[in-house]
Amino acid sequence: MNFDMRISRRFKFNEGTALEVLAEGFNVFNRTQVTNVNTTLYNQNFATNTFTFNTPFQSITETGATLFRERQIQFAVRFEF
């Protein structure tokens, strides 16, 4: 589960102008997002009709490399007039 966070503070100077300072963090706890696990328990050999245990059973085969990435933090300042 990702944990994203945004903190901002707005400073008003007068009715028409304001300054906003903000910080955003994505995947704040930097957790690996598992998207695929090997679920094949046994392999069957049809020629000899035997079953063998699949050793990489329940191993992680894919992690989210495009949608869920490493921790990212960005800072911004916005002036409104």
PDB file of N, CA and C in Angstrom:
ATOM      1  N   MET A   1       0.834  -1.164   0.000  1.00  0.00           N
ATOM      2  CA  MET A   1       0.000   0.000   0.000  1.00  0.00           C
ATOM      3  C   MET A   1       0.886   1.236   0.000  1.00  0.00           C
ATOM      4  N   ASN A   2       0.620   2.126  -0.906  1.00  0.00           N
ATOM      5  CA  ASN A   2       1.363   3.381  -0.981  1.00  0.00           C
ATOM      6  C   ASN A   2       0.825   4.377   0.022  1.00  0.00           C
ATOM      7  N   PHE A   3       1.703   5.236   0.479  1.00  0.00           N
ATOM      8  CA  PHE A   3       1.297   6.318   1.364  1.00  0.00           C
ATOM      9  C   PHE A   3       1.818   7.605   0.746  1.00  0.00           C
ATOM     10  N   ASP A   4       0.905   8.430   0.240  1.00  0.00           N
ATOM     11  CA  ASP A   4       1.245   9.708  -0.359  1.00  0.00           C
ATOM     12  C   ASP A   4       0.840  10.819   0.598  1.00  0.00           C
ATOM     13  N   MET A   5       1.582  11.929   0.562  1.00  0.00           N
ATOM     14  CA  MET A   5       1.322  13.004   1.505  1.00  0.00           C
ATOM     15  C   MET A   5       1.601  14.344   0.832  1.00  0.00           C
ATOM     16  N   ARG A   6       0.797  15.346   1.211  1.00  0.00           N
ATOM     17  CA  ARG A   6       1.007  16.708   0.724  1.00  0.00           C
ATOM     18  C   ARG A   6       0.810  17.665   1.890  1.00  0.00           C
ATOM     19  N   ILE A   7       1.755  18.576   2.056  1.00  0.00           N
ATOM     20  CA  ILE A   7       1.682  19.598   3.092  1.00  0.00           C
ATOM     21  C   ILE A   7       1.813  20.946   2.394  1.00  0.00           C
ATOM     22  N   SER A   8       0.905  21.860   2.707  1.00  0.00           N
ATOM     23  CA  SER A   8       0.989  23.178   2.086  1.00  0.00           C
ATOM     24  C   SER A   8       0.595  24.252   3.091  1.00  0.00           C
ATOM     25  N   ARG A   9       1.081  25.442   2.826  1.00  0.00           N
ATOM     26  CA  ARG A   9       0.769  26.593   3.670  1.00  0.00           C
ATOM     27  C   ARG A   9       0.630  27.809   2.755  1.00  0.00           C
ATOM     28  N   ARG A  10      -0.470  28.536   2.939  1.00  0.00           N
ATOM     29  CA  ARG A  10      -0.748  29.710   2.116  1.00  0.00           C
ATOM     30  C   ARG A  10      -0.616  30.967   2.974  1.00  0.00           C
ATOM     31  N   PHE A  11       0.128  31.932   2.448  1.00  0.00           N
ATOM     32  CA  PHE A  11       0.312  33.219   3.104  1.00  0.00           C
ATOM     33  C   PHE A  11      -0.368  34.289   2.248  1.00  0.00           C
ATOM     34  N   LYS A  12      -1.368  34.970   2.790  1.00  0.00           N
ATOM     35  CA  LYS A  12      -2.066  36.028   2.065  1.00  0.00           C
ATOM     36  C   LYS A  12      -1.425  37.370   2.409  1.00  0.00           C
ATOM     37  N   PHE A  13      -1.096  38.127   1.361  1.00  0.00           N
ATOM     38  CA  PHE A  13      -0.524  39.458   1.563  1.00  0.00           C
ATOM     39  C   PHE A  13      -1.617  40.518   1.564  1.00  0.00           C
ATOM     40  N   ASN A  14      -2.490  40.453   0.600  1.00  0.00           N
ATOM     41  CA  ASN A  14      -3.672  41.311   0.573  1.00  0.00           C
ATOM     42  C   ASN A  14      -4.760  40.546  -0.169  1.00  0.00           C
ATOM     43  N   GLU A  15      -5.798  41.232  -0.578  1.00  0.00           N
ATOM     44  CA  GLU A  15      -6.955  40.548  -1.175  1.00  0.00           C
ATOM     45  C   GLU A  15      -6.630  39.835  -2.485  1.00  0.00           C
ATOM     46  N   GLY A  16      -5.678  40.346  -3.237  1.00  0.00           N
ATOM     47  CA  GLY A  16      -5.414  39.780  -4.560  1.00  0.00           C
ATOM     48  C   GLY A  16      -4.137  38.977  -4.688  1.00  0.00           C
ATOM     49  N   THR A  17      -3.284  38.960  -3.675  1.00  0.00           N
ATOM     50  CA  THR A  17      -2.011  38.243  -3.794  1.00  0.00           C
ATOM     51  C   THR A  17      -1.829  37.258  -2.644  1.00  0.00           C
ATOM     52  N   ALA A  18      -1.219  36.156  -2.967  1.00  0.00           N
ATOM     53  CA  ALA A  18      -0.943  35.119  -1.962  1.00  0.00           C
ATOM     54  C   ALA A  18       0.271  34.312  -2.401  1.00  0.00           C
ATOM     55  N   LEU A  19       0.950  33.741  -1.430  1.00  0.00           N
ATOM     56  CA  LEU A  19       2.091  32.884  -1.675  1.00  0.00           C
ATOM     57  C   LEU A  19       1.807  31.533  -1.026  1.00  0.00           C
ATOM     58  N   GLU A  20       1.967  30.468  -1.803  1.00  0.00           N
ATOM     59  CA  GLU A  20       1.735  29.121  -1.279  1.00  0.00           C
ATOM     60  C   GLU A  20       3.028  28.322  -1.363  1.00  0.00           C
ATOM     61  N   VAL A  21       3.414  27.700  -0.252  1.00  0.00           N
ATOM     62  CA  VAL A  21       4.586  26.839  -0.179  1.00  0.00           C
ATOM     63  C   VAL A  21       4.080  25.430   0.080  1.00  0.00           C
ATOM     64  N   LEU A  22       4.550  24.464  -0.723  1.00  0.00           N
ATOM     65  CA  LEU A  22       4.049  23.104  -0.548  1.00  0.00           C
ATOM     66  C   LEU A  22       5.143  22.070  -0.764  1.00  0.00           C
ATOM     67  N   ALA A  23       4.933  20.910  -0.149  1.00  0.00           N
ATOM     68  CA  ALA A  23       5.810  19.756  -0.303  1.00  0.00           C
ATOM     69  C   ALA A  23       4.933  18.531  -0.502  1.00  0.00           C
ATOM     70  N   GLU A  24       5.296  17.702  -1.487  1.00  0.00           N
ATOM     71  CA  GLU A  24       4.551  16.474  -1.774  1.00  0.00           C
ATOM     72  C   GLU A  24       5.503  15.290  -1.713  1.00  0.00           C
ATOM     73  N   GLY A  25       5.014  14.201  -1.168  1.00  0.00           N
ATOM     74  CA  GLY A  25       5.797  12.976  -1.114  1.00  0.00           C
ATOM     75  C   GLY A  25       4.966  11.810  -1.620  1.00  0.00           C
ATOM     76  N   PHE A  26       5.559  11.016  -2.499  1.00  0.00           N
ATOM     77  CA  PHE A  26       4.896   9.843  -3.059  1.00  0.00           C
ATOM     78  C   PHE A  26       5.663   8.596  -2.622  1.00  0.00           C
ATOM     79  N   ASN A  27       4.940   7.568  -2.184  1.00  0.00           N
ATOM     80  CA  ASN A  27       5.526   6.345  -1.640  1.00  0.00           C
ATOM     81  C   ASN A  27       6.480   6.708  -0.495  1.00  0.00           C
ATOM     82  N   VAL A  28       5.956   7.419   0.489  1.00  0.00           N
ATOM     83  CA  VAL A  28       6.750   8.002   1.566  1.00  0.00           C
ATOM     84  C   VAL A  28       7.533   6.942   2.335  1.00  0.00           C
ATOM     85  N   PHE A  29       6.967   5.770   2.577  1.00  0.00           N
ATOM     86  CA  PHE A  29       7.655   4.726   3.333  1.00  0.00           C
ATOM     87  C   PHE A  29       8.550   3.854   2.458  1.00  0.00           C
ATOM     88  N   ASN A  30       8.609   4.146   1.156  1.00  0.00           N
ATOM     89  CA  ASN A  30       9.500   3.478   0.205  1.00  0.00           C
ATOM     90  C   ASN A  30       9.340   1.956   0.212  1.00  0.00           C
ATOM     91  N   ARG A  31       8.105   1.499   0.081  1.00  0.00           N
ATOM     92  CA  ARG A  31       7.820   0.061   0.088  1.00  0.00           C
ATOM     93  C   ARG A  31       7.764  -0.476  -1.339  1.00  0.00           C
ATOM     94  N   THR A  32       8.255  -1.687  -1.522  1.00  0.00           N
ATOM     95  CA  THR A  32       8.185  -2.344  -2.819  1.00  0.00           C
ATOM     96  C   THR A  32       6.766  -2.834  -3.056  1.00  0.00           C
ATOM     97  N   GLN A  33       6.234  -2.536  -4.205  1.00  0.00           N
ATOM     98  CA  GLN A  33       4.876  -2.938  -4.549  1.00  0.00           C
ATOM     99  C   GLN A  33       4.937  -4.213  -5.388  1.00  0.00           C
ATOM    100  N   VAL A  34       4.557  -5.339  -4.795  1.00  0.00           N
ATOM    101  CA  VAL A  34       4.562  -6.628  -5.493  1.00  0.00           C
ATOM    102  C   VAL A  34       3.326  -6.698  -6.376  1.00  0.00           C
ATOM    103  N   THR A  35       3.535  -6.958  -7.668  1.00  0.00           N
ATOM    104  CA  THR A  35       2.413  -7.020  -8.604  1.00  0.00           C
ATOM    105  C   THR A  35       2.192  -8.416  -9.186  1.00  0.00           C
ATOM    106  N   ASN A  36       3.143  -9.351  -8.995  1.00  0.00           N
ATOM    107  CA  ASN A  36       2.942 -10.699  -9.531  1.00  0.00           C
ATOM    108  C   ASN A  36       3.759 -11.698  -8.707  1.00  0.00           C
ATOM    109  N   VAL A  37       3.152 -12.865  -8.442  1.00  0.00           N
ATOM    110  CA  VAL A  37       3.793 -13.934  -7.683  1.00  0.00           C
ATOM    111  C   VAL A  37       3.637 -15.235  -8.469  1.00  0.00           C
ATOM    112  N   ASN A  38       4.668 -16.074  -8.455  1.00  0.00           N
ATOM    113  CA  ASN A  38       4.614 -17.358  -9.150  1.00  0.00           C
ATOM    114  C   ASN A  38       3.652 -18.274  -8.402  1.00  0.00           C
ATOM    115  N   THR A  39       2.573 -18.717  -9.052  1.00  0.00           N
ATOM    116  CA  THR A  39       1.549 -19.542  -8.404  1.00  0.00           C
ATOM    117  C   THR A  39       1.509 -20.971  -8.931  1.00  0.00           C
ATOM    118  N   THR A  40       2.503 -21.391  -9.699  1.00  0.00           N
ATOM    119  CA  THR A  40       2.555 -22.755 -10.211  1.00  0.00           C
ATOM    120  C   THR A  40       3.204 -23.654  -9.164  1.00  0.00           C
ATOM    121  N   LEU A  41       2.399 -24.573  -8.589  1.00  0.00           N
ATOM    122  CA  LEU A  41       2.905 -25.437  -7.520  1.00  0.00           C
ATOM    123  C   LEU A  41       3.649 -26.652  -8.069  1.00  0.00           C
ATOM    124  N   TYR A  42       3.100 -27.275  -9.101  1.00  0.00           N
ATOM    125  CA  TYR A  42       3.717 -28.470  -9.683  1.00  0.00           C
ATOM    126  C   TYR A  42       3.853 -28.312 -11.188  1.00  0.00           C
ATOM    127  N   ASN A  43       4.906 -28.907 -11.743  1.00  0.00           N
ATOM    128  CA  ASN A  43       5.082 -29.006 -13.189  1.00  0.00           C
ATOM    129  C   ASN A  43       4.803 -30.445 -13.595  1.00  0.00           C
ATOM    130  N   GLN A  44       4.070 -30.616 -14.696  1.00  0.00           N
ATOM    131  CA  GLN A  44       3.732 -31.961 -15.146  1.00  0.00           C
ATOM    132  C   GLN A  44       4.510 -32.293 -16.407  1.00  0.00           C
ATOM    133  N   ASN A  45       5.139 -33.457 -16.399  1.00  0.00           N
ATOM    134  CA  ASN A  45       5.810 -33.978 -17.581  1.00  0.00           C
ATOM    135  C   ASN A  45       4.837 -34.943 -18.256  1.00  0.00           C
ATOM    136  N   PHE A  46       4.301 -34.553 -19.406  1.00  0.00           N
ATOM    137  CA  PHE A  46       3.284 -35.361 -20.077  1.00  0.00           C
ATOM    138  C   PHE A  46       3.858 -36.631 -20.697  1.00  0.00           C
ATOM    139  N   ALA A  47       5.135 -36.646 -21.012  1.00  0.00           N
ATOM    140  CA  ALA A  47       5.736 -37.840 -21.614  1.00  0.00           C
ATOM    141  C   ALA A  47       5.803 -38.989 -20.608  1.00  0.00           C
ATOM    142  N   THR A  48       6.189 -38.683 -19.371  1.00  0.00           N
ATOM    143  CA  THR A  48       6.306 -39.738 -18.357  1.00  0.00           C
ATOM    144  C   THR A  48       5.163 -39.685 -17.347  1.00  0.00           C
ATOM    145  N   ASN A  49       4.291 -38.709 -17.467  1.00  0.00           N
ATOM    146  CA  ASN A  49       3.141 -38.508 -16.581  1.00  0.00           C
ATOM    147  C   ASN A  49       3.583 -38.408 -15.110  1.00  0.00           C
ATOM    148  N   THR A  50       4.609 -37.569 -14.882  1.00  0.00           N
ATOM    149  CA  THR A  50       5.099 -37.354 -13.526  1.00  0.00           C
ATOM    150  C   THR A  50       4.952 -35.872 -13.161  1.00  0.00           C
ATOM    151  N   PHE A  51       4.871 -35.635 -11.868  1.00  0.00           N
ATOM    152  CA  PHE A  51       4.775 -34.273 -11.352  1.00  0.00           C
ATOM    153  C   PHE A  51       6.032 -33.938 -10.553  1.00  0.00           C
ATOM    154  N   THR A  52       6.553 -32.747 -10.725  1.00  0.00           N
ATOM    155  CA  THR A  52       7.694 -32.278  -9.940  1.00  0.00           C
ATOM    156  C   THR A  52       7.323 -30.948  -9.283  1.00  0.00           C
ATOM    157  N   PHE A  53       7.837 -30.783  -8.080  1.00  0.00           N
ATOM    158  CA  PHE A  53       7.556 -29.560  -7.340  1.00  0.00           C
ATOM    159  C   PHE A  53       8.277 -28.387  -7.997  1.00  0.00           C
ATOM    160  N   ASN A  54       7.572 -27.286  -8.145  1.00  0.00           N
ATOM    161  CA  ASN A  54       8.130 -26.080  -8.740  1.00  0.00           C
ATOM    162  C   ASN A  54       8.863 -25.295  -7.640  1.00  0.00           C
ATOM    163  N   THR A  55      10.193 -25.266  -7.679  1.00  0.00           N
ATOM    164  CA  THR A  55      10.963 -24.637  -6.601  1.00  0.00           C
ATOM    165  C   THR A  55      10.742 -23.131  -6.469  1.00  0.00           C
ATOM    166  N   PRO A  56      10.507 -22.359  -7.530  1.00  0.00           N
ATOM    167  CA  PRO A  56      10.260 -20.929  -7.303  1.00  0.00           C
ATOM    168  C   PRO A  56       8.799 -20.621  -6.950  1.00  0.00           C
ATOM    169  N   PHE A  57       8.063 -21.588  -6.419  1.00  0.00           N
ATOM    170  CA  PHE A  57       6.674 -21.370  -6.031  1.00  0.00           C
ATOM    171  C   PHE A  57       6.597 -20.291  -4.955  1.00  0.00           C
ATOM    172  N   GLN A  58       5.660 -19.385  -5.085  1.00  0.00           N
ATOM    173  CA  GLN A  58       5.428 -18.260  -4.185  1.00  0.00           C
ATOM    174  C   GLN A  58       6.561 -17.236  -4.185  1.00  0.00           C
ATOM    175  N   SER A  59       7.398 -17.241  -5.206  1.00  0.00           N
ATOM    176  CA  SER A  59       8.444 -16.223  -5.286  1.00  0.00           C
ATOM    177  C   SER A  59       7.917 -15.023  -6.074  1.00  0.00           C
ATOM    178  N   ILE A  60       8.464 -13.870  -5.780  1.00  0.00           N
ATOM    179  CA  ILE A  60       8.039 -12.636  -6.452  1.00  0.00           C
ATOM    180  C   ILE A  60       8.631 -12.618  -7.847  1.00  0.00           C
ATOM    181  N   THR A  61       7.770 -12.456  -8.841  1.00  0.00           N
ATOM    182  CA  THR A  61       8.240 -12.434 -10.215  1.00  0.00           C
ATOM    183  C   THR A  61       8.164 -11.055 -10.845  1.00  0.00           C
ATOM    184  N   GLU A  62       7.440 -10.134 -10.229  1.00  0.00           N
ATOM    185  CA  GLU A  62       7.318  -8.804 -10.818  1.00  0.00           C
ATOM    186  C   GLU A  62       6.987  -7.785  -9.735  1.00  0.00           C
ATOM    187  N   THR A  63       7.628  -6.651  -9.822  1.00  0.00           N
ATOM    188  CA  THR A  63       7.305  -5.531  -8.939  1.00  0.00           C
ATOM    189  C   THR A  63       6.882  -4.363  -9.795  1.00  0.00           C
ATOM    190  N   GLY A  64       6.061  -3.520  -9.239  1.00  0.00           N
ATOM    191  CA  GLY A  64       5.550  -2.382 -10.001  1.00  0.00           C
ATOM    192  C   GLY A  64       6.643  -1.382 -10.309  1.00  0.00           C
ATOM    193  N   ALA A  65       7.105  -1.373 -11.536  1.00  0.00           N
ATOM    194  CA  ALA A  65       8.197  -0.481 -11.907  1.00  0.00           C
ATOM    195  C   ALA A  65       7.700   0.754 -12.644  1.00  0.00           C
ATOM    196  N   THR A  66       6.444   0.786 -13.012  1.00  0.00           N
ATOM    197  CA  THR A  66       5.973   1.941 -13.767  1.00  0.00           C
ATOM    198  C   THR A  66       5.016   2.791 -12.948  1.00  0.00           C
ATOM    199  N   LEU A  67       4.056   2.180 -12.281  1.00  0.00           N
ATOM    200  CA  LEU A  67       3.059   2.941 -11.543  1.00  0.00           C
ATOM    201  C   LEU A  67       3.512   3.222 -10.113  1.00  0.00           C
ATOM    202  N   PHE A  68       4.066   2.237  -9.451  1.00  0.00           N
ATOM    203  CA  PHE A  68       4.531   2.391  -8.077  1.00  0.00           C
ATOM    204  C   PHE A  68       6.050   2.424  -8.093  1.00  0.00           C
ATOM    205  N   ARG A  69       6.601   3.573  -7.828  1.00  0.00           N
ATOM    206  CA  ARG A  69       8.050   3.734  -7.922  1.00  0.00           C
ATOM    207  C   ARG A  69       8.661   3.967  -6.555  1.00  0.00           C
ATOM    208  N   GLU A  70       9.941   4.283  -6.550  1.00  0.00           N
ATOM    209  CA  GLU A  70      10.637   4.582  -5.311  1.00  0.00           C
ATOM    210  C   GLU A  70      10.132   5.900  -4.723  1.00  0.00           C
ATOM    211  N   ARG A  71      10.563   6.209  -3.538  1.00  0.00           N
ATOM    212  CA  ARG A  71      10.133   7.437  -2.854  1.00  0.00           C
ATOM    213  C   ARG A  71      10.488   8.653  -3.702  1.00  0.00           C
ATOM    214  N   GLN A  72       9.527   9.551  -3.860  1.00  0.00           N
ATOM    215  CA  GLN A  72       9.744  10.796  -4.593  1.00  0.00           C
ATOM    216  C   GLN A  72       9.204  11.949  -3.762  1.00  0.00           C
ATOM    217  N   ILE A  73       9.999  13.000  -3.637  1.00  0.00           N
ATOM    218  CA  ILE A  73       9.600  14.183  -2.881  1.00  0.00           C
ATOM    219  C   ILE A  73       9.827  15.398  -3.762  1.00  0.00           C
ATOM    220  N   GLN A  74       8.858  16.297  -3.767  1.00  0.00           N
ATOM    221  CA  GLN A  74       9.018  17.526  -4.543  1.00  0.00           C
ATOM    222  C   GLN A  74       8.523  18.716  -3.726  1.00  0.00           C
ATOM    223  N   PHE A  75       9.169  19.843  -3.966  1.00  0.00           N
ATOM    224  CA  PHE A  75       8.845  21.085  -3.284  1.00  0.00           C
ATOM    225  C   PHE A  75       8.430  22.112  -4.320  1.00  0.00           C
ATOM    226  N   ALA A  76       7.527  23.017  -3.929  1.00  0.00           N
ATOM    227  CA  ALA A  76       7.071  24.041  -4.872  1.00  0.00           C
ATOM    228  C   ALA A  76       6.686  25.304  -4.116  1.00  0.00           C
ATOM    229  N   VAL A  77       6.784  26.411  -4.834  1.00  0.00           N
ATOM    230  CA  VAL A  77       6.319  27.702  -4.333  1.00  0.00           C
ATOM    231  C   VAL A  77       5.476  28.314  -5.443  1.00  0.00           C
ATOM    232  N   ARG A  78       4.285  28.776  -5.063  1.00  0.00           N
ATOM    233  CA  ARG A  78       3.371  29.358  -6.055  1.00  0.00           C
ATOM    234  C   ARG A  78       2.969  30.757  -5.588  1.00  0.00           C
ATOM    235  N   PHE A  79       3.102  31.704  -6.496  1.00  0.00           N
ATOM    236  CA  PHE A  79       2.695  33.083  -6.206  1.00  0.00           C
ATOM    237  C   PHE A  79       1.448  33.394  -7.020  1.00  0.00           C
ATOM    238  N   GLU A  80       0.374  33.778  -6.354  1.00  0.00           N
ATOM    239  CA  GLU A  80      -0.881  34.081  -7.032  1.00  0.00           C
ATOM    240  C   GLU A  80      -1.122  35.587  -6.975  1.00  0.00           C
ATOM    241  N   PHE A  81      -1.527  36.127  -8.133  1.00  0.00           N
ATOM    242  CA  PHE A  81      -1.836  37.553  -8.177  1.00  0.00           C
ATOM    243  C   PHE A  81      -3.027  37.797  -9.064  1.00  0.00           C
TER     244      PHE A  81
END
